[in-house]
Amino acid sequence: MRKKDRFEGQKLLVLPKKVKKKLKKNSLTNYLYITDIGYFPNGKHHYRSRKNGSDEHILIFCVDGKGWIEIDGKKQHLSKNKYSIIPKQTPHTYAADPNTPWTIYWMHFLGDKAEAFVYPLDYPRELKETNVSRFKDRIELFEEIYFNLDAGYSDQNMEYSSILLMHLLGSFKYLSQFQKIKEIKQQDVVSKAIVFIKSNLHKKLSLSEIADYCSISVSHLCLLFKKKTAYSPIEYLIFMRMQKACSLLEFSNLKINIIANNVGYDDAFYFSRIFKTVIGKSPSQYRVSIYKAI
């Protein structure tokens, strides 16, 4: 059963021929531009077969469900986080899975530099789901392109859409570079947390306070912190407190209960237990061992 495409919540935009001719002549758009763009959620019965191919390159990005693309008798299976590009003038057929139909963002594009984003033809390609994947950023680029094209065919809208298209296709082609900024930001979060911890060793600190300071969730903070330091934020906090306590025991004559207060503990006995667990000696034993070493 083949139905005319109509999916609840769908978006579909096809540029008029006159606009496409203008895009081909404009020096700011002729290198890369969109001719059609859309979003088909839960595309049950979605089916296309083009014996002579399309006049444009076609990008299909699956964000949910499943489907397939057939080129030269070979089937590509698309599922969540996989994408494929069909070169122009290439006979093909594609369809949504009948039981778990795909949800896809798609576009047709052309331009003097378009082929640079099409080849090599090692499709489908999968975008691994990690904490630096930036799926939301990529979808927002789709949405922004659609919004600008839908807002009218002014030169500014068309030119800006072409610039965004370069960014979007670049996010697929240069995957590690696209993800790099996220990695740097996450590393900065851990550095920020460490500075906050070191500046507040004398206070009672909770995980939620550290996470709030870094503007992320507790679970995300723990994940990033463990990845970068091999320790949880609380373990790191304890290590830093004991490190400071060792320094105070060695270079000051402060009483142990005062040192405990200086590293965030109201209870000197509890501090002593933690100190022994981490350092292997009680604070008193540690101080004596330092004097003996001298």
Protein backbone atom coordinates (compact mmCIF):
# COMPACT_ATOMS: atom_id res chain seq x y z
CA MET A 1 0.00 0.00 0.00
CA ARG A 2 1.52 3.31 -1.09
CA LYS A 3 0.04 6.52 0.22
CA LYS A 4 0.66 10.12 -0.69
CA ASP A 5 3.09 11.52 1.86
CA ARG A 6 1.20 13.14 4.68
CA PHE A 7 2.45 12.62 8.20
CA GLU A 8 1.12 14.29 11.29
CA GLY A 9 3.52 17.02 12.33
CA GLN A 10 5.42 16.91 9.04
CA LYS A 11 7.33 19.82 7.54
CA LEU A 12 7.85 20.13 3.80
CA LEU A 13 9.21 22.94 1.68
CA VAL A 14 10.02 22.92 -2.05
CA LEU A 15 11.68 25.99 -3.55
CA PRO A 16 10.17 27.39 -6.78
CA LYS A 17 12.20 27.07 -10.01
CA LYS A 18 12.66 30.83 -10.20
CA VAL A 19 14.25 30.88 -6.72
CA LYS A 20 16.53 27.94 -7.54
CA LYS A 21 17.79 29.74 -10.66
CA LYS A 22 18.54 32.77 -8.54
CA LEU A 23 20.44 30.63 -6.01
CA LYS A 24 22.56 29.18 -8.82
CA LYS A 25 23.62 32.67 -9.93
CA ASN A 26 24.21 34.23 -6.49
CA SER A 27 27.93 34.12 -5.59
CA LEU A 28 27.05 33.58 -1.91
CA THR A 29 24.76 30.61 -2.57
CA ASN A 30 25.91 28.92 -5.79
CA TYR A 31 28.52 26.87 -3.94
CA LEU A 32 25.86 25.09 -1.84
CA TYR A 33 22.09 25.50 -1.59
CA ILE A 34 18.90 23.64 -0.73
CA THR A 35 16.10 22.95 -3.20
CA ASP A 36 13.81 20.90 -0.93
CA ILE A 37 13.77 20.27 2.81
CA GLY A 38 11.51 18.44 5.22
CA TYR A 39 10.81 16.49 8.37
CA PHE A 40 8.65 13.36 8.36
CA PRO A 41 7.78 12.01 11.83
CA ASN A 42 6.65 8.39 12.07
CA GLY A 43 6.57 8.14 8.28
CA LYS A 44 4.37 5.09 7.88
CA HIS A 45 4.02 4.05 4.20
CA HIS A 46 6.70 6.56 3.19
CA TYR A 47 8.06 5.31 -0.15
CA ARG A 48 9.99 6.76 -3.08
CA SER A 49 11.33 5.16 -6.24
CA ARG A 50 13.22 7.19 -8.85
CA LYS A 51 14.34 5.16 -11.89
CA ASN A 52 16.45 8.03 -13.19
CA GLY A 53 17.46 9.35 -9.82
CA SER A 54 17.02 12.90 -8.59
CA ASP A 55 18.35 16.11 -10.06
CA GLU A 56 19.77 16.89 -6.62
CA HIS A 57 21.80 15.09 -3.96
CA ILE A 58 19.56 13.79 -1.15
CA LEU A 59 20.44 13.65 2.53
CA ILE A 60 18.31 11.43 4.78
CA PHE A 61 18.97 11.55 8.52
CA CYS A 62 17.04 9.03 10.64
CA VAL A 63 16.37 10.11 14.23
CA ASP A 64 13.96 7.32 15.17
CA GLY A 65 12.48 4.12 13.79
CA LYS A 66 13.82 2.28 10.75
CA GLY A 67 13.85 2.32 6.97
CA TRP A 68 15.96 1.38 3.98
CA ILE A 69 17.54 2.79 0.83
CA GLU A 70 18.34 0.69 -2.23
CA ILE A 71 21.00 1.78 -4.76
CA ASP A 72 22.38 -0.48 -7.51
CA GLY A 73 20.63 -3.48 -5.98
CA LYS A 74 22.26 -2.93 -2.58
CA LYS A 75 20.14 -2.13 0.45
CA GLN A 76 21.23 0.27 3.16
CA HIS A 77 19.39 -0.10 6.45
CA LEU A 78 18.82 3.15 8.32
CA SER A 79 17.88 3.31 11.97
CA LYS A 80 18.18 5.89 14.74
CA ASN A 81 21.25 8.14 14.41
CA LYS A 82 22.17 6.84 10.95
CA TYR A 83 22.26 8.89 7.77
CA SER A 84 22.89 8.48 4.08
CA ILE A 85 23.42 10.71 1.06
CA ILE A 86 22.15 9.65 -2.35
CA PRO A 87 24.15 11.24 -5.20
CA LYS A 88 22.20 13.08 -7.88
CA GLN A 89 21.14 11.19 -11.02
CA THR A 90 21.53 7.87 -9.21
CA PRO A 91 18.54 5.48 -9.53
CA HIS A 92 17.24 4.59 -6.09
CA THR A 93 14.35 3.47 -3.94
CA TYR A 94 13.75 4.11 -0.27
CA ALA A 95 10.99 3.37 2.23
CA ALA A 96 10.09 3.37 5.89
CA ASP A 97 9.92 0.09 7.78
CA PRO A 98 6.25 -1.00 7.89
CA ASN A 99 6.35 -1.96 11.57
CA THR A 100 8.71 0.68 12.97
CA PRO A 101 8.54 3.54 10.46
CA TRP A 102 11.36 6.02 10.49
CA THR A 103 11.32 9.63 11.59
CA ILE A 104 13.63 11.52 9.26
CA TYR A 105 15.02 14.93 8.50
CA TRP A 106 15.82 15.18 4.80
CA MET A 107 16.91 17.63 2.16
CA HIS A 108 17.79 17.94 -1.52
CA PHE A 109 20.82 20.10 -2.24
CA LEU A 110 23.01 21.31 -5.09
CA GLY A 111 25.92 23.66 -5.67
CA ASP A 112 29.42 23.90 -7.09
CA LYS A 113 30.86 22.42 -3.87
CA ALA A 114 28.03 19.97 -3.14
CA GLU A 115 29.93 16.85 -4.23
CA ALA A 116 32.58 17.51 -1.58
CA PHE A 117 29.95 16.57 1.01
CA VAL A 118 28.60 13.54 -0.89
CA TYR A 119 31.67 11.39 -1.42
CA PRO A 120 33.01 8.89 -0.44
CA LEU A 121 29.92 6.71 -0.77
CA ASP A 122 30.47 4.64 2.39
CA TYR A 123 26.86 4.87 3.53
CA PRO A 124 24.98 4.48 5.75
CA ARG A 125 27.05 6.16 8.44
CA GLU A 126 26.20 6.02 12.12
CA LEU A 127 26.55 8.87 14.59
CA LYS A 128 27.43 7.31 17.93
CA GLU A 129 25.36 8.50 20.88
CA THR A 130 27.80 9.93 23.43
CA ASN A 131 27.90 12.93 25.74
CA VAL A 132 29.57 14.95 22.96
CA SER A 133 27.32 13.87 20.06
CA ARG A 134 25.58 17.26 19.72
CA PHE A 135 22.44 15.75 18.18
CA LYS A 136 20.36 18.64 19.45
CA ASP A 137 22.69 21.18 17.82
CA ARG A 138 22.44 19.40 14.49
CA ILE A 139 18.64 19.28 14.62
CA GLU A 140 18.57 22.98 15.50
CA LEU A 141 20.56 23.68 12.33
CA PHE A 142 17.92 21.81 10.31
CA GLU A 143 15.18 23.79 12.03
CA GLU A 144 16.92 27.12 11.50
CA ILE A 145 17.43 26.43 7.80
CA TYR A 146 13.78 25.47 7.41
CA PHE A 147 12.61 28.53 9.35
CA ASN A 148 14.61 30.92 7.18
CA LEU A 149 13.51 29.36 3.91
CA ASP A 150 9.91 29.33 5.09
CA ALA A 151 10.15 33.00 6.08
CA GLY A 152 10.48 34.13 2.46
CA TYR A 153 12.83 34.14 -0.50
CA SER A 154 14.77 37.31 0.18
CA ASP A 155 18.47 37.31 -0.70
CA GLN A 156 19.32 37.51 3.00
CA ASN A 157 17.23 34.45 3.88
CA MET A 158 18.64 32.43 0.99
CA GLU A 159 22.25 33.42 1.67
CA TYR A 160 21.99 32.74 5.37
CA SER A 161 20.39 29.34 4.69
CA SER A 162 23.30 28.38 2.42
CA ILE A 163 25.79 29.34 5.11
CA LEU A 164 23.86 27.22 7.62
CA LEU A 165 23.76 24.35 5.14
CA MET A 166 27.57 24.39 4.91
CA HIS A 167 27.68 24.14 8.71
CA LEU A 168 25.10 21.33 8.80
CA LEU A 169 26.77 19.19 6.13
CA GLY A 170 30.12 19.92 7.75
CA SER A 171 28.77 18.50 11.02
CA PHE A 172 28.36 15.15 9.25
CA LYS A 173 31.58 15.22 7.22
CA TYR A 174 33.86 16.60 9.96
CA LEU A 175 32.36 14.75 12.88
CA SER A 176 35.28 14.92 15.33
CA GLN A 177 35.75 18.65 14.70
CA PHE A 178 32.03 19.25 15.25
CA GLN A 179 32.19 17.42 18.57
CA LYS A 180 35.45 19.00 19.74
CA ILE A 181 33.86 22.15 21.18
CA LYS A 182 31.63 19.99 23.37
CA GLU A 183 34.66 18.08 24.67
CA ILE A 184 36.45 21.34 25.47
CA LYS A 185 33.40 22.73 27.27
CA GLN A 186 33.07 19.56 29.33
CA GLN A 187 36.73 19.65 30.26
CA ASP A 188 36.23 23.26 31.31
CA VAL A 189 33.35 22.15 33.55
CA VAL A 190 35.64 19.75 35.43
CA SER A 191 38.36 22.41 35.73
CA LYS A 192 35.77 24.82 37.05
CA ALA A 193 34.59 22.25 39.61
CA ILE A 194 38.17 21.60 40.76
CA VAL A 195 38.85 25.31 41.26
CA PHE A 196 35.60 25.61 43.23
CA ILE A 197 36.50 22.61 45.41
CA LYS A 198 40.01 23.88 46.13
CA SER A 199 38.67 27.32 47.01
CA ASN A 200 36.15 25.90 49.48
CA LEU A 201 37.99 23.15 51.33
CA HIS A 202 37.17 24.88 54.63
CA LYS A 203 33.42 24.64 53.98
CA LYS A 204 30.92 21.83 54.07
CA LEU A 205 30.38 21.07 50.39
CA SER A 206 27.72 18.85 48.87
CA LEU A 207 27.62 17.36 45.39
CA SER A 208 24.61 19.47 44.54
CA GLU A 209 26.45 22.67 45.48
CA ILE A 210 29.36 21.77 43.19
CA ALA A 211 26.98 20.81 40.36
CA ASP A 212 24.93 24.00 40.79
CA TYR A 213 28.10 26.08 40.61
CA CYS A 214 28.97 24.38 37.31
CA SER A 215 25.37 24.65 36.02
CA ILE A 216 25.01 20.92 35.32
CA SER A 217 23.23 17.99 36.94
CA VAL A 218 24.84 15.94 39.70
CA SER A 219 24.86 12.79 37.53
CA HIS A 220 26.48 14.62 34.61
CA LEU A 221 29.10 16.18 36.91
CA CYS A 222 29.99 12.76 38.33
CA LEU A 223 30.27 11.28 34.83
CA LEU A 224 32.57 14.03 33.53
CA PHE A 225 34.63 14.17 36.71
CA LYS A 226 35.25 10.42 36.76
CA LYS A 227 36.19 10.46 33.10
CA LYS A 228 38.79 13.19 33.54
CA THR A 229 40.22 12.47 37.01
CA ALA A 230 39.33 8.78 37.57
CA TYR A 231 37.66 9.82 40.84
CA SER A 232 34.24 11.04 41.90
CA PRO A 233 33.90 14.70 42.95
CA ILE A 234 33.50 13.69 46.61
CA GLU A 235 36.57 11.43 46.51
CA TYR A 236 38.52 14.28 44.96
CA LEU A 237 37.23 16.70 47.60
CA ILE A 238 38.37 14.35 50.38
CA PHE A 239 41.81 13.91 48.79
CA MET A 240 42.24 17.68 48.52
CA ARG A 241 41.16 18.14 52.14
CA MET A 242 43.60 15.52 53.36
CA GLN A 243 46.36 17.03 51.24
CA LYS A 244 45.77 20.40 52.86
CA ALA A 245 45.58 18.77 56.30
CA CYS A 246 48.98 17.13 55.70
CA SER A 247 50.43 20.51 54.81
CA LEU A 248 49.01 22.12 57.97
CA LEU A 249 50.27 19.25 60.14
CA GLU A 250 53.71 19.64 58.64
CA PHE A 251 54.11 23.39 58.44
CA SER A 252 52.02 24.72 61.36
CA ASN A 253 51.55 24.13 65.08
CA LEU A 254 47.77 24.23 64.83
CA LYS A 255 45.86 21.75 66.98
CA ILE A 256 44.19 18.87 65.21
CA ASN A 257 40.66 20.16 65.91
CA ILE A 258 41.60 23.53 64.33
CA ILE A 259 43.08 21.78 61.31
CA ALA A 260 39.87 19.74 61.05
CA ASN A 261 37.87 23.00 60.93
CA ASN A 262 40.23 24.39 58.28
CA VAL A 263 39.46 21.50 55.97
CA GLY A 264 35.69 21.43 56.43
CA TYR A 265 35.13 19.11 59.42
CA ASP A 266 33.35 20.16 62.63
CA ASP A 267 34.04 16.81 64.27
CA ALA A 268 37.77 16.25 64.92
CA PHE A 269 37.24 12.54 65.62
CA TYR A 270 35.48 12.02 62.30
CA PHE A 271 38.24 13.99 60.56
CA SER A 272 40.87 11.76 62.19
CA ARG A 273 39.10 8.61 60.96
CA ILE A 274 38.93 9.93 57.40
CA PHE A 275 42.56 11.07 57.56
CA LYS A 276 43.74 7.61 58.67
CA THR A 277 41.70 5.90 55.97
CA VAL A 278 43.20 8.09 53.24
CA ILE A 279 46.76 8.66 54.50
CA GLY A 280 47.27 5.43 56.46
CA LYS A 281 48.14 7.17 59.75
CA SER A 282 46.22 9.24 62.26
CA PRO A 283 46.92 13.01 62.20
CA SER A 284 48.98 12.70 65.38
CA GLN A 285 51.01 9.81 63.97
CA TYR A 286 51.55 11.70 60.74
CA ARG A 287 52.86 14.76 62.59
CA VAL A 288 55.21 12.63 64.69
CA SER A 289 56.51 10.86 61.58
CA ILE A 290 57.27 14.22 59.96
CA TYR A 291 59.27 15.37 63.00
CA LYS A 292 61.18 12.07 63.09
CA ALA A 293 62.02 12.39 59.41
CA ILE A 294 63.48 15.82 60.05
